[in-house]
Amino acid sequence: MKSLLNFFAAGKDAPPITDPAVIDAEFRTHRRNIIFVITLSYGLGYVCRLALNVVKKPLMDGGIFTPEEMGLIGSMLLYGYALGKFSNGVLADYSNVKRFFAAGLFLSAMMNFGMSMSTVVWLSATFWVLNGWFQGFGAPACVVALANWFSNAERGRYYGLWSTAHSIGEGLTYLGIAFLIAMPPKGLGLPWQFGFWVPAAICVIAAGLVYYFLQDRPQTLGLPSVAEWRGDSGLRGTASHDVRSIFKDQLRVLAIPSIWVIALASSTMYITRYAINSWGNVYLQEIRGFDLFDANLFIFLNTAAGILGCVAYGYVSDKLFDARRPPTNLIFGLMELLPLFVIFYGPANNFVLAAALIVYGFGLSGILASLGGLFAVDIAPKKVAGAAMGFIGIFSYLGAGLQDYISGKLIYDTEIRVVFPLGDSAPTVYFYDYSTPIIFWVGASVVSVILASSLWKVRASD
């Protein structure tokens, strides 16, 4: 056990490099590699998290799981992720993030392999809650890397770039995995198990990239803190890695009222986010009449727009509002909320639906970047960025997990079964009403925008 803890522990400070030219070159190289690898690998890791959402309809149509059982299994990942993101957020502040992140990706891949072999509710739920736990290694590790290698004045932009990983991963899942299992000519028509096998292989590759390219704190390489290198005052505290000092600052996070409001705003925003992720493609198939591939193609539109939304949020908040998040939160929050009324209550026109999903994805990804972590990291002491991210995460994913089960239950309660006698066979077709879940999903976004707007005067701290 001791050797395992030593393996994951943060490295010791190396003898300082004194040559300014070498320091500059090292910072430029590692910062470029770090932002690239955490964005790419976190995005690839998302495929292992969302695979179940794409195969949900085939599993329901095949009579393997009911909507309520699918909601239960799906919620297990989110509960596991909520707990994992908090506990692993605390651990990430003490860890070598390179090894920590790589281990989470590899173990998540193993859980996806397990899911491909299970048609039993309790076993699938077990695999999926463990997958959520291991997925919870990623975001805290990435945020700690961002806090260690990028300063206050620039973090919004780089956090926005990293946040594009959410959309990259969602896009790969909803389009790529749908192509594997959708029936020809739009897909390959492979068994649903491929919806887990391929993501697992992708996560193993991502783990290798992280282990090779990601770096621990600058001081472990003999470099000064990023604040000293840039001449900023915001991150002076990151030079120390004293365990007692870190623990005290982690407790301080819980005493910041704004952190609690951000956590609640993020929680309600995540209800809507994961409602669309988990049930959006099923809704489009059940209510709008799309086939599996086309339904996932429409969901892909909002994830693709999200890439631009993340980048835009970082630049707008940093450049136009001098790193103030609340005004940008209101703008992007409304861009996330208003299109929902068009998606669910607007005209049944494919062009209008596509446009609404694009605007929704753009706004969602921006507000996700802020409420999901950036705003809290701004407010909290910088050397406990992982704990701040984890605290927000446990609220966010408890909300998302409750949503998945509640949505599944609300949908299942409206089930109508129609048996069609066809010769010797009598296939059963299932019909569902989404009216009540939609009110739940849209209402959560309304609450989120109100809560986020209440922090109008809150600014980042050093």
Protein backbone atom coordinates (compact mmCIF):
# COMPACT_ATOMS: atom_id res chain seq x y z
CA MET A 1 0.00 0.00 0.00
CA LYS A 2 2.82 2.38 0.88
CA SER A 3 4.48 1.83 -2.50
CA LEU A 4 1.14 2.50 -4.22
CA LEU A 5 0.69 5.78 -2.33
CA ASN A 6 4.26 6.78 -3.16
CA PHE A 7 3.59 6.06 -6.84
CA PHE A 8 0.67 8.50 -6.92
CA ALA A 9 2.16 11.13 -4.59
CA ALA A 10 3.20 14.51 -5.96
CA GLY A 11 6.89 14.74 -6.78
CA LYS A 12 9.41 16.62 -4.68
CA ASP A 13 10.78 19.97 -5.79
CA ALA A 14 13.85 19.62 -8.01
CA PRO A 15 16.93 21.88 -7.75
CA PRO A 16 15.94 25.24 -9.28
CA ILE A 17 17.00 26.04 -12.84
CA THR A 18 18.68 29.43 -12.93
CA ASP A 19 19.04 30.10 -16.66
CA PRO A 20 16.09 32.35 -17.73
CA ALA A 21 16.31 31.15 -21.34
CA VAL A 22 16.01 27.52 -20.28
CA ILE A 23 13.12 28.35 -17.95
CA ASP A 24 11.27 30.16 -20.74
CA ALA A 25 11.82 27.30 -23.18
CA GLU A 26 10.71 24.68 -20.64
CA PHE A 27 7.55 26.58 -19.74
CA ARG A 28 6.58 27.13 -23.37
CA THR A 29 7.10 23.46 -24.26
CA HIS A 30 5.32 21.99 -21.27
CA ARG A 31 2.40 24.43 -21.35
CA ARG A 32 1.78 23.63 -25.00
CA ASN A 33 1.95 19.88 -24.36
CA ILE A 34 -0.20 20.07 -21.23
CA ILE A 35 -3.12 22.03 -22.70
CA PHE A 36 -3.10 19.74 -25.74
CA VAL A 37 -2.95 16.44 -23.86
CA ILE A 38 -5.48 17.27 -21.14
CA THR A 39 -7.95 18.51 -23.77
CA LEU A 40 -7.53 15.56 -26.11
CA SER A 41 -7.33 12.84 -23.47
CA TYR A 42 -10.20 14.19 -21.35
CA GLY A 43 -12.30 14.33 -24.51
CA LEU A 44 -11.37 10.75 -25.43
CA GLY A 45 -12.17 9.67 -21.87
CA TYR A 46 -15.68 11.06 -22.25
CA VAL A 47 -16.46 8.31 -24.76
CA CYS A 48 -16.18 5.74 -21.94
CA ARG A 49 -18.57 7.82 -19.85
CA LEU A 50 -21.34 8.34 -22.42
CA ALA A 51 -21.35 5.04 -24.32
CA LEU A 52 -24.45 3.81 -22.49
CA ASN A 53 -26.48 6.78 -23.74
CA VAL A 54 -26.09 5.70 -27.37
CA VAL A 55 -26.91 2.03 -26.81
CA LYS A 56 -29.82 2.87 -24.49
CA LYS A 57 -32.53 2.59 -27.16
CA PRO A 58 -31.27 -0.77 -28.57
CA LEU A 59 -31.15 -2.18 -25.03
CA MET A 60 -34.70 -0.97 -24.37
CA ASP A 61 -36.02 -2.19 -27.73
CA GLY A 62 -34.38 -5.57 -27.18
CA GLY A 63 -36.20 -6.00 -23.88
CA ILE A 64 -32.89 -6.23 -21.98
CA PHE A 65 -33.64 -3.26 -19.72
CA THR A 66 -36.75 -1.10 -19.14
CA PRO A 67 -36.53 2.73 -19.17
CA GLU A 68 -36.64 2.73 -15.36
CA GLU A 69 -33.77 0.20 -15.21
CA MET A 70 -31.82 2.24 -17.77
CA GLY A 71 -32.37 5.33 -15.62
CA LEU A 72 -31.15 3.43 -12.56
CA ILE A 73 -28.00 2.16 -14.29
CA GLY A 74 -27.29 5.56 -15.83
CA SER A 75 -27.72 7.30 -12.50
CA MET A 76 -25.15 4.96 -10.92
CA LEU A 77 -22.39 6.43 -13.08
CA LEU A 78 -23.38 9.92 -12.05
CA TYR A 79 -23.52 9.09 -8.35
CA GLY A 80 -20.15 7.37 -8.61
CA TYR A 81 -18.79 10.36 -10.47
CA ALA A 82 -20.18 12.80 -7.91
CA LEU A 83 -18.47 11.01 -5.05
CA GLY A 84 -15.36 10.34 -7.09
CA LYS A 85 -15.00 13.89 -8.30
CA PHE A 86 -15.12 15.22 -4.75
CA SER A 87 -12.83 12.67 -3.09
CA ASN A 88 -10.50 12.53 -6.07
CA GLY A 89 -10.54 16.33 -6.21
CA VAL A 90 -9.16 16.38 -2.68
CA LEU A 91 -6.59 13.69 -3.54
CA ALA A 92 -5.53 15.43 -6.76
CA ASP A 93 -4.13 18.35 -4.75
CA TYR A 94 -1.61 15.92 -3.22
CA SER A 95 -1.03 13.76 -6.30
CA ASN A 96 1.19 13.45 -9.32
CA VAL A 97 -1.61 14.33 -11.74
CA LYS A 98 0.10 12.56 -14.62
CA ARG A 99 -0.18 9.14 -12.95
CA PHE A 100 -3.50 9.93 -11.30
CA PHE A 101 -5.25 10.85 -14.55
CA ALA A 102 -3.75 7.96 -16.54
CA ALA A 103 -4.89 5.41 -13.95
CA GLY A 104 -8.45 6.73 -14.04
CA LEU A 105 -8.66 6.42 -17.82
CA PHE A 106 -7.32 2.87 -17.85
CA LEU A 107 -9.65 1.65 -15.09
CA SER A 108 -12.63 3.31 -16.81
CA ALA A 109 -11.79 1.33 -19.93
CA MET A 110 -11.91 -1.89 -17.91
CA MET A 111 -15.40 -1.03 -16.64
CA ASN A 112 -16.62 -0.55 -20.21
CA PHE A 113 -15.32 -4.01 -21.11
CA GLY A 114 -17.30 -5.31 -18.15
CA MET A 115 -20.49 -3.57 -19.31
CA SER A 116 -20.25 -5.29 -22.69
CA MET A 117 -20.61 -8.67 -20.97
CA SER A 118 -23.53 -7.85 -18.66
CA THR A 119 -27.30 -8.03 -19.19
CA VAL A 120 -28.06 -8.14 -15.45
CA VAL A 121 -29.25 -4.91 -13.81
CA TRP A 122 -27.27 -5.15 -10.56
CA LEU A 123 -24.05 -6.15 -12.34
CA SER A 124 -24.35 -3.40 -14.95
CA ALA A 125 -25.11 -0.89 -12.18
CA THR A 126 -21.99 -2.03 -10.32
CA PHE A 127 -19.77 -1.65 -13.37
CA TRP A 128 -21.27 1.75 -14.08
CA VAL A 129 -20.92 3.18 -10.57
CA LEU A 130 -17.26 2.11 -10.57
CA ASN A 131 -16.85 3.67 -14.00
CA GLY A 132 -18.17 6.92 -12.57
CA TRP A 133 -15.66 6.74 -9.73
CA PHE A 134 -12.73 6.21 -12.09
CA GLN A 135 -13.98 8.92 -14.45
CA GLY A 136 -13.77 11.22 -11.43
CA PHE A 137 -9.97 11.12 -11.59
CA GLY A 138 -9.89 13.20 -14.76
CA ALA A 139 -11.39 16.66 -14.18
CA PRO A 140 -9.62 17.34 -10.85
CA ALA A 141 -6.28 16.26 -12.32
CA CYS A 142 -6.78 18.55 -15.32
CA VAL A 143 -7.83 21.50 -13.18
CA VAL A 144 -4.83 21.07 -10.89
CA ALA A 145 -2.61 21.04 -13.98
CA LEU A 146 -4.28 24.23 -15.23
CA ALA A 147 -3.87 25.95 -11.85
CA ASN A 148 -0.20 24.95 -11.69
CA TRP A 149 0.76 25.91 -15.24
CA PHE A 150 -1.54 28.88 -16.11
CA SER A 151 -2.11 32.09 -14.13
CA ASN A 152 -5.26 33.98 -13.09
CA ALA A 153 -5.16 36.45 -15.97
CA GLU A 154 -5.06 33.75 -18.63
CA ARG A 155 -6.85 30.84 -16.98
CA GLY A 156 -10.27 31.68 -18.42
CA ARG A 157 -8.96 31.24 -21.96
CA TYR A 158 -7.08 28.04 -21.26
CA TYR A 159 -9.90 26.64 -19.15
CA GLY A 160 -12.20 27.38 -22.07
CA LEU A 161 -9.87 25.52 -24.43
CA TRP A 162 -9.75 22.53 -22.08
CA SER A 163 -13.54 22.60 -21.69
CA THR A 164 -13.89 21.90 -25.40
CA ALA A 165 -12.99 18.34 -24.38
CA HIS A 166 -16.58 17.85 -23.19
CA SER A 167 -17.91 18.59 -26.64
CA ILE A 168 -15.17 16.62 -28.41
CA GLY A 169 -15.98 13.56 -26.32
CA GLU A 170 -19.73 13.96 -26.71
CA GLY A 171 -19.37 14.40 -30.46
CA LEU A 172 -17.21 11.29 -30.81
CA THR A 173 -19.75 9.34 -28.79
CA TYR A 174 -22.99 10.45 -30.35
CA LEU A 175 -21.77 10.31 -33.93
CA GLY A 176 -19.01 7.70 -33.84
CA ILE A 177 -20.64 5.11 -31.61
CA ALA A 178 -24.02 5.67 -33.30
CA PHE A 179 -22.36 4.90 -36.65
CA LEU A 180 -21.10 1.58 -35.26
CA ILE A 181 -24.45 0.28 -34.08
CA ALA A 182 -27.00 2.04 -36.33
CA MET A 183 -28.47 -0.15 -39.04
CA PRO A 184 -27.20 0.14 -42.65
CA PRO A 185 -27.02 2.20 -44.76
CA LYS A 186 -26.43 4.90 -42.10
CA GLY A 187 -24.33 2.69 -39.85
CA LEU A 188 -22.48 -0.59 -39.66
CA GLY A 189 -25.21 -2.44 -37.76
CA LEU A 190 -22.78 -3.96 -35.24
CA PRO A 191 -24.05 -5.51 -31.98
CA TRP A 192 -24.58 -3.13 -29.07
CA GLN A 193 -21.49 -4.55 -27.34
CA PHE A 194 -19.31 -2.60 -29.77
CA GLY A 195 -20.71 0.53 -28.12
CA PHE A 196 -18.56 -0.42 -25.12
CA TRP A 197 -15.61 -2.23 -26.74
CA VAL A 198 -14.54 0.67 -28.95
CA PRO A 199 -14.72 3.33 -26.18
CA ALA A 200 -12.67 1.03 -23.93
CA ALA A 201 -9.92 0.77 -26.54
CA ILE A 202 -9.97 4.56 -27.00
CA CYS A 203 -9.56 5.13 -23.25
CA VAL A 204 -6.54 2.83 -23.08
CA ILE A 205 -4.88 4.92 -25.81
CA ALA A 206 -5.76 8.14 -23.95
CA ALA A 207 -4.19 6.78 -20.75
CA GLY A 208 -0.93 6.22 -22.64
CA LEU A 209 -0.95 9.78 -24.00
CA VAL A 210 -1.47 11.23 -20.51
CA TYR A 211 1.31 9.16 -18.96
CA TYR A 212 3.75 10.20 -21.65
CA PHE A 213 2.99 13.93 -22.06
CA LEU A 214 1.43 15.32 -18.84
CA GLN A 215 3.69 16.84 -16.19
CA ASP A 216 3.48 17.36 -12.42
CA ARG A 217 3.96 20.82 -10.86
CA PRO A 218 6.59 23.14 -12.46
CA GLN A 219 8.68 22.98 -9.28
CA THR A 220 9.22 19.23 -9.73
CA LEU A 221 11.09 20.10 -12.93
CA GLY A 222 13.21 22.78 -11.27
CA LEU A 223 11.02 25.60 -12.59
CA PRO A 224 9.57 28.49 -10.56
CA SER A 225 5.81 28.81 -10.06
CA VAL A 226 3.92 30.08 -13.08
CA ALA A 227 3.17 33.32 -11.18
CA GLU A 228 6.86 34.03 -10.71
CA TRP A 229 7.60 33.20 -14.33
CA ARG A 230 4.85 35.50 -15.63
CA GLY A 231 5.35 38.18 -12.99
CA ASP A 232 1.75 37.71 -11.76
CA SER A 233 0.64 37.84 -8.15
CA GLY A 234 -2.24 35.41 -8.46
CA LEU A 235 -0.49 32.11 -7.95
CA ARG A 236 2.33 32.83 -5.51
CA GLY A 237 0.83 30.33 -3.10
CA THR A 238 1.29 27.38 -5.42
CA ALA A 239 4.99 27.19 -4.73
CA SER A 240 4.39 25.50 -1.39
CA HIS A 241 3.21 21.91 -1.26
CA ASP A 242 3.02 21.47 2.51
CA VAL A 243 0.35 18.89 3.36
CA ARG A 244 -0.96 20.70 6.46
CA SER A 245 -1.21 24.00 4.60
CA ILE A 246 -3.13 22.36 1.75
CA PHE A 247 -5.59 20.70 4.14
CA LYS A 248 -6.34 24.01 5.89
CA ASP A 249 -7.02 25.69 2.56
CA GLN A 250 -9.26 22.80 1.50
CA LEU A 251 -11.39 23.38 4.59
CA ARG A 252 -11.52 27.11 3.77
CA VAL A 253 -13.31 26.26 0.53
CA LEU A 254 -16.35 25.06 2.52
CA ALA A 255 -16.59 28.41 4.33
CA ILE A 256 -17.02 30.48 1.14
CA PRO A 257 -20.77 31.21 0.63
CA SER A 258 -20.35 31.86 -3.10
CA ILE A 259 -18.96 28.35 -3.57
CA TRP A 260 -22.22 26.90 -2.23
CA VAL A 261 -24.31 29.04 -4.59
CA ILE A 262 -22.12 28.00 -7.54
CA ALA A 263 -22.55 24.36 -6.49
CA LEU A 264 -26.36 24.68 -6.49
CA ALA A 265 -26.37 26.58 -9.80
CA SER A 266 -24.15 23.92 -11.34
CA SER A 267 -26.31 21.13 -9.94
CA THR A 268 -29.48 22.45 -11.57
CA MET A 269 -27.64 23.20 -14.82
CA TYR A 270 -26.37 19.60 -14.86
CA ILE A 271 -29.93 18.31 -14.58
CA THR A 272 -30.69 19.84 -17.97
CA ARG A 273 -27.30 18.99 -19.44
CA TYR A 274 -27.55 15.30 -18.65
CA ALA A 275 -31.24 15.17 -19.52
CA ILE A 276 -30.31 16.11 -23.09
CA ASN A 277 -27.24 13.84 -23.05
CA SER A 278 -29.05 10.83 -21.58
CA TRP A 279 -32.55 11.13 -23.01
CA GLY A 280 -32.32 13.62 -25.87
CA ASN A 281 -31.62 11.05 -28.56
CA VAL A 282 -34.31 8.73 -27.16
CA TYR A 283 -36.79 11.63 -27.15
CA LEU A 284 -35.98 12.41 -30.79
CA GLN A 285 -36.57 8.77 -31.72
CA GLU A 286 -39.73 8.28 -29.67
CA ILE A 287 -41.46 11.64 -30.21
CA ARG A 288 -39.93 13.17 -33.34
CA GLY A 289 -39.68 9.88 -35.25
CA PHE A 290 -35.95 9.97 -36.11
CA ASP A 291 -33.97 6.76 -36.49
CA LEU A 292 -31.02 6.06 -34.18
CA PHE A 293 -28.36 7.62 -36.39
CA ASP A 294 -30.30 10.79 -37.24
CA ALA A 295 -31.30 11.33 -33.61
CA ASN A 296 -27.67 11.14 -32.52
CA LEU A 297 -26.66 13.37 -35.43
CA PHE A 298 -28.97 16.09 -34.10
CA ILE A 299 -27.52 15.71 -30.59
CA PHE A 300 -24.06 15.94 -32.18
CA LEU A 301 -24.96 19.42 -33.46
CA ASN A 302 -25.19 20.80 -29.93
CA THR A 303 -21.91 19.17 -28.93
CA ALA A 304 -20.11 20.54 -32.00
CA ALA A 305 -21.38 24.05 -31.24
CA GLY A 306 -20.15 23.54 -27.70
CA ILE A 307 -16.54 23.56 -28.86
CA LEU A 308 -16.95 27.16 -29.99
CA GLY A 309 -18.98 28.01 -26.89
CA CYS A 310 -16.19 26.95 -24.50
CA VAL A 311 -13.54 28.97 -26.34
CA ALA A 312 -15.85 31.97 -26.70
CA TYR A 313 -16.71 31.94 -22.99
CA GLY A 314 -13.05 32.10 -21.96
CA TYR A 315 -12.23 34.98 -24.29
CA VAL A 316 -15.41 36.96 -23.55
CA SER A 317 -14.99 36.69 -19.77
CA ASP A 318 -11.23 37.39 -19.83
CA LYS A 319 -11.09 40.10 -22.49
CA LEU A 320 -14.47 41.87 -22.46
CA PHE A 321 -15.22 41.61 -18.73
CA ASP A 322 -11.67 41.60 -17.28
CA ALA A 323 -11.89 37.98 -16.00
CA ARG A 324 -15.29 38.64 -14.41
CA ARG A 325 -17.47 35.54 -14.80
CA PRO A 326 -21.00 36.69 -13.67
CA PRO A 327 -21.85 38.91 -16.68
CA THR A 328 -20.69 36.19 -19.06
CA ASN A 329 -22.63 33.60 -17.04
CA LEU A 330 -25.86 35.53 -17.62
CA ILE A 331 -25.25 35.85 -21.37
CA PHE A 332 -24.39 32.19 -21.88
CA GLY A 333 -27.04 31.02 -19.39
CA LEU A 334 -29.78 32.68 -21.42
CA MET A 335 -28.32 31.22 -24.62
CA GLU A 336 -28.64 27.79 -22.99
CA LEU A 337 -32.13 28.33 -21.56
CA LEU A 338 -34.12 30.04 -24.32
CA PRO A 339 -33.47 27.45 -27.08
CA LEU A 340 -34.93 24.73 -24.84
CA PHE A 341 -38.38 26.26 -25.33
CA VAL A 342 -37.86 26.06 -29.10
CA ILE A 343 -36.55 22.48 -28.95
CA PHE A 344 -39.48 21.15 -26.94
CA TYR A 345 -42.31 23.57 -27.68
CA GLY A 346 -41.36 25.09 -31.04
CA PRO A 347 -42.49 24.11 -34.54
CA ALA A 348 -41.82 20.55 -35.75
CA ASN A 349 -39.30 21.74 -38.31
CA ASN A 350 -35.91 20.06 -38.68
CA PHE A 351 -34.09 23.28 -39.56
CA VAL A 352 -35.52 25.09 -36.53
CA LEU A 353 -34.65 22.12 -34.31
CA ALA A 354 -31.07 22.04 -35.61
CA ALA A 355 -30.63 25.80 -35.11
CA ALA A 356 -32.01 25.62 -31.57
CA LEU A 357 -29.69 22.73 -30.67
CA ILE A 358 -26.69 24.65 -32.00
CA VAL A 359 -27.49 27.75 -29.92
CA TYR A 360 -28.26 25.57 -26.90
CA GLY A 361 -24.93 23.73 -27.21
CA PHE A 362 -23.01 26.98 -27.60
CA GLY A 363 -24.55 28.52 -24.48
CA LEU A 364 -24.44 25.32 -22.42
CA SER A 365 -20.74 24.72 -22.97
CA GLY A 366 -19.92 28.27 -21.95
CA ILE A 367 -21.92 28.17 -18.73
CA LEU A 368 -20.64 24.65 -18.10
CA ALA A 369 -17.05 25.90 -18.22
CA SER A 370 -17.84 28.49 -15.57
CA LEU A 371 -20.28 26.84 -13.18
CA GLY A 372 -18.67 23.43 -13.60
CA GLY A 373 -15.35 24.60 -12.20
CA LEU A 374 -13.76 27.81 -13.48
CA PHE A 375 -15.77 30.19 -11.28
CA ALA A 376 -15.03 28.12 -8.16
CA VAL A 377 -11.32 27.85 -9.03
CA ASP A 378 -11.23 31.65 -9.36
CA ILE A 379 -12.68 32.13 -5.88
CA ALA A 380 -10.81 29.37 -4.01
CA PRO A 381 -7.13 29.35 -2.96
CA LYS A 382 -5.19 28.20 -6.01
CA LYS A 383 -3.23 25.37 -4.43
CA VAL A 384 -6.50 23.59 -3.59
CA ALA A 385 -8.05 23.92 -7.05
CA GLY A 386 -8.75 20.19 -7.07
CA ALA A 387 -10.82 20.37 -3.88
CA ALA A 388 -12.81 23.34 -5.20
CA MET A 389 -13.49 21.48 -8.43
CA GLY A 390 -14.43 18.35 -6.50
CA PHE A 391 -16.84 20.18 -4.20
CA ILE A 392 -18.69 21.64 -7.19
CA GLY A 393 -18.55 18.24 -8.87
CA ILE A 394 -20.32 16.35 -6.10
CA PHE A 395 -23.30 18.74 -6.30
CA SER A 396 -23.28 18.75 -10.11
CA TYR A 397 -23.37 15.01 -10.50
CA LEU A 398 -25.76 14.35 -7.66
CA GLY A 399 -28.13 16.58 -9.61
CA ALA A 400 -27.34 14.75 -12.83
CA GLY A 401 -27.77 11.35 -11.17
CA LEU A 402 -31.11 12.24 -9.61
CA GLN A 403 -32.20 13.53 -13.00
CA ASP A 404 -31.40 10.26 -14.77
CA TYR A 405 -33.44 8.17 -12.36
CA ILE A 406 -36.31 10.67 -12.02
CA SER A 407 -36.51 11.09 -15.81
CA GLY A 408 -36.51 7.34 -16.36
CA LYS A 409 -39.25 6.89 -13.76
CA LEU A 410 -41.40 9.70 -15.18
CA ILE A 411 -41.04 8.28 -18.69
CA TYR A 412 -41.68 4.67 -17.60
CA ASP A 413 -44.85 5.69 -15.73
CA THR A 414 -46.40 6.80 -19.04
CA GLU A 415 -45.58 3.55 -20.87
CA ILE A 416 -48.20 2.20 -23.27
CA ARG A 417 -47.65 -1.27 -24.73
CA VAL A 418 -49.23 -2.17 -28.05
CA VAL A 419 -49.07 -5.75 -29.32
CA PHE A 420 -49.19 -6.22 -33.10
CA PRO A 421 -50.25 -9.74 -34.15
CA LEU A 422 -48.17 -10.71 -37.16
CA GLY A 423 -48.78 -14.32 -38.08
CA ASP A 424 -47.00 -16.54 -35.60
CA SER A 425 -45.36 -13.61 -33.82
CA ALA A 426 -46.77 -10.76 -31.78
CA PRO A 427 -44.16 -8.00 -31.40
CA THR A 428 -44.72 -5.42 -28.68
CA VAL A 429 -44.13 -1.72 -29.38
CA TYR A 430 -43.61 0.70 -26.46
CA PHE A 431 -44.86 4.31 -26.48
CA TYR A 432 -43.95 7.02 -23.93
CA ASP A 433 -45.05 10.57 -23.04
CA TYR A 434 -42.28 13.12 -22.33
CA SER A 435 -44.41 16.10 -21.25
CA THR A 436 -43.64 15.94 -17.52
CA PRO A 437 -39.89 15.23 -17.88
CA ILE A 438 -39.57 18.22 -20.22
CA ILE A 439 -41.04 20.56 -17.58
CA PHE A 440 -38.53 19.14 -15.09
CA TRP A 441 -35.59 19.65 -17.49
CA VAL A 442 -36.46 23.22 -18.54
CA GLY A 443 -37.38 24.29 -15.01
CA ALA A 444 -33.95 23.22 -13.75
CA SER A 445 -32.28 25.59 -16.22
CA VAL A 446 -34.46 28.47 -15.07
CA VAL A 447 -33.32 27.92 -11.47
CA SER A 448 -29.68 27.66 -12.55
CA VAL A 449 -29.73 31.01 -14.38
CA ILE A 450 -31.36 32.73 -11.38
CA LEU A 451 -28.76 31.33 -8.95
CA ALA A 452 -25.81 32.20 -11.19
CA SER A 453 -27.11 35.75 -11.65
CA SER A 454 -27.23 36.25 -7.87
CA LEU A 455 -23.39 36.28 -7.79
CA TRP A 456 -23.09 39.39 -9.95
CA LYS A 457 -20.58 41.17 -7.70
CA VAL A 458 -18.31 38.18 -6.96
CA ARG A 459 -14.74 38.46 -8.27
CA ALA A 460 -11.75 36.14 -8.42
CA SER A 461 -9.39 36.06 -5.45
CA ASP A 462 -5.65 35.54 -5.35
